Amino acid sequence: MTTQTIDIPSLEALPAAAAQVSAALQGHTIICFEGEMGAGKTTFIKALCRSLGVQEDVSSPTFSLVNEYRTAQDEPIYHFDFYRLDHPREAEGIGALEYFDSGYLCLIEWPSRIEALLPPDRLLITLTVTGPSSRELRIEN
């Protein structure tokens, strides 16, 4: 397993960190985001989507479970938030497995809620709060 750590000292550093993560995505379509509530998972996903050329508003799919965005190359990005799920069957009910098998980028918040459904080939990004506006981002694959 390979691990890379990126320090994010402030919100202003998000675009640079997102560009680094964007480079690490090569060859991966399932990207899992872990971190405590308020660690900045959605905020980081917004920055990552911007670095991939997404023009539309990126927001948490907390209630819809999945949002779809388009990259600069007009390819879909699927953004999931499984925080409110009680059982992985609920993710199956929205077709999560089909999204995961699509070959398109799937950004997953709270992946531990659906661990049994996730393919083994995935990238794990963990955000840890290190200060009022600073974070540590760890990439494992």
Protein backbone atom coordinates (compact mmCIF):
# COMPACT_ATOMS: atom_id res chain seq x y z
CA MET A 1 0.00 0.00 0.00
CA THR A 2 1.24 3.47 -0.93
CA THR A 3 0.54 6.45 1.33
CA GLN A 4 0.93 10.14 0.53
CA THR A 5 0.27 12.98 2.98
CA ILE A 6 -0.64 16.53 2.02
CA ASP A 7 -0.81 19.34 4.58
CA ILE A 8 -3.56 21.89 3.94
CA PRO A 9 -2.75 24.89 6.15
CA SER A 10 -5.80 26.96 5.13
CA LEU A 11 -8.77 27.16 2.77
CA GLU A 12 -6.58 29.13 0.37
CA ALA A 13 -4.39 26.03 -0.03
CA LEU A 14 -7.30 23.83 -1.21
CA PRO A 15 -6.79 24.38 -4.97
CA ALA A 16 -3.14 23.30 -4.77
CA ALA A 17 -4.01 20.25 -2.66
CA ALA A 18 -6.84 19.36 -5.06
CA ALA A 19 -4.42 19.54 -8.00
CA GLN A 20 -2.08 17.10 -6.19
CA VAL A 21 -4.95 14.70 -5.49
CA SER A 22 -6.20 15.04 -9.06
CA ALA A 23 -2.83 13.72 -10.26
CA ALA A 24 -3.11 10.77 -7.83
CA LEU A 25 -6.49 9.74 -9.28
CA GLN A 26 -4.93 8.27 -12.42
CA GLY A 27 -6.12 4.69 -12.82
CA HIS A 28 -8.73 4.96 -10.07
CA THR A 29 -12.47 5.51 -10.39
CA ILE A 30 -13.62 4.75 -6.82
CA ILE A 31 -12.42 7.43 -4.39
CA CYS A 32 -13.48 7.08 -0.76
CA PHE A 33 -13.41 10.05 1.63
CA GLU A 34 -13.19 9.44 5.37
CA GLY A 35 -13.04 11.97 8.17
CA GLU A 36 -15.06 13.10 11.13
CA MET A 37 -18.11 15.30 10.69
CA GLY A 38 -16.85 18.78 9.79
CA ALA A 39 -13.42 17.59 8.61
CA GLY A 40 -14.06 19.14 5.20
CA LYS A 41 -14.87 16.18 2.95
CA THR A 42 -17.46 18.06 0.88
CA THR A 43 -15.37 21.23 0.84
CA PHE A 44 -12.41 19.26 -0.48
CA ILE A 45 -14.59 17.48 -3.07
CA LYS A 46 -15.73 20.92 -4.30
CA ALA A 47 -12.08 21.94 -4.82
CA LEU A 48 -11.27 18.60 -6.48
CA CYS A 49 -14.20 18.93 -8.88
CA ARG A 50 -13.09 22.48 -9.78
CA SER A 51 -9.61 21.10 -10.57
CA LEU A 52 -11.29 18.58 -12.90
CA GLY A 53 -13.13 21.33 -14.75
CA VAL A 54 -16.57 21.05 -13.17
CA GLN A 55 -18.40 24.34 -13.70
CA GLU A 56 -21.69 23.69 -11.92
CA ASP A 57 -22.34 24.05 -8.20
CA VAL A 58 -20.92 21.15 -6.19
CA SER A 59 -22.87 20.41 -3.02
CA SER A 60 -23.38 17.58 -0.59
CA PRO A 61 -25.83 14.92 -1.76
CA THR A 62 -26.82 14.22 1.86
CA PHE A 63 -30.52 13.78 1.07
CA SER A 64 -30.41 12.77 -2.59
CA LEU A 65 -27.50 10.34 -1.89
CA VAL A 66 -25.90 11.05 -5.28
CA ASN A 67 -25.18 14.16 -7.38
CA GLU A 68 -23.84 14.12 -10.91
CA TYR A 69 -21.44 16.72 -12.26
CA ARG A 70 -19.67 17.08 -15.63
CA THR A 71 -15.93 17.52 -16.16
CA ALA A 72 -14.40 19.85 -18.73
CA GLN A 73 -14.36 16.80 -21.06
CA ASP A 74 -18.13 16.35 -20.45
CA GLU A 75 -17.60 13.11 -18.52
CA PRO A 76 -19.75 12.43 -15.46
CA ILE A 77 -18.50 12.52 -11.90
CA TYR A 78 -20.74 10.86 -9.32
CA HIS A 79 -20.67 12.28 -5.78
CA PHE A 80 -22.18 10.12 -3.03
CA ASP A 81 -22.90 10.86 0.61
CA PHE A 82 -23.92 7.72 2.53
CA TYR A 83 -24.01 9.30 5.99
CA ARG A 84 -27.78 8.86 6.41
CA LEU A 85 -27.91 5.23 5.30
CA ASP A 86 -28.97 2.61 7.81
CA HIS A 87 -28.04 -0.36 5.61
CA PRO A 88 -26.00 -0.97 2.43
CA ARG A 89 -29.21 -2.23 0.74
CA GLU A 90 -30.31 1.40 0.52
CA ALA A 91 -27.26 2.16 -1.64
CA GLU A 92 -28.04 -0.86 -3.79
CA GLY A 93 -31.57 0.52 -4.18
CA ILE A 94 -30.27 3.68 -5.90
CA GLY A 95 -28.07 1.63 -8.22
CA ALA A 96 -24.76 2.31 -6.47
CA LEU A 97 -23.18 -0.84 -7.91
CA GLU A 98 -23.99 0.28 -11.46
CA TYR A 99 -22.40 3.67 -10.75
CA PHE A 100 -19.31 1.96 -9.30
CA ASP A 101 -19.04 -0.29 -12.39
CA SER A 102 -19.57 2.60 -14.84
CA GLY A 103 -15.86 3.38 -15.20
CA TYR A 104 -16.54 7.00 -14.29
CA LEU A 105 -15.21 8.79 -11.24
CA CYS A 106 -17.19 8.05 -8.06
CA LEU A 107 -16.45 10.28 -5.05
CA ILE A 108 -17.84 8.63 -1.91
CA GLU A 109 -18.34 10.30 1.46
CA TRP A 110 -18.91 7.96 4.44
CA PRO A 111 -17.85 4.80 2.54
CA SER A 112 -17.74 2.77 5.75
CA ARG A 113 -21.58 2.73 5.66
CA ILE A 114 -21.46 0.60 2.50
CA GLU A 115 -18.10 -1.17 2.94
CA ALA A 116 -19.48 -4.52 1.75
CA LEU A 117 -20.45 -3.01 -1.62
CA LEU A 118 -17.14 -1.33 -2.41
CA PRO A 119 -14.75 -2.89 -4.90
CA PRO A 120 -11.28 -3.71 -3.54
CA ASP A 121 -9.56 -1.41 -6.05
CA ARG A 122 -10.18 2.03 -4.60
CA LEU A 123 -8.37 5.07 -3.34
CA LEU A 124 -8.90 6.13 0.27
CA ILE A 125 -8.56 9.80 1.20
CA THR A 126 -8.70 10.62 4.90
CA LEU A 127 -9.09 14.19 6.10
CA THR A 128 -7.98 14.97 9.65
CA VAL A 129 -8.61 18.27 11.43
CA THR A 130 -5.29 19.75 12.61
CA GLY A 131 -6.46 23.28 13.46
CA PRO A 132 -9.35 25.73 12.99
CA SER A 133 -8.85 25.87 9.21
CA SER A 134 -6.01 23.40 8.64
CA ARG A 135 -6.27 19.78 7.63
CA GLU A 136 -4.06 16.82 6.90
CA LEU A 137 -5.04 14.79 3.87
CA ARG A 138 -3.79 11.22 3.54
CA ILE A 139 -4.09 9.26 0.30
CA GLU A 140 -3.83 5.46 0.46
CA ASN A 141 -4.07 3.00 -2.39
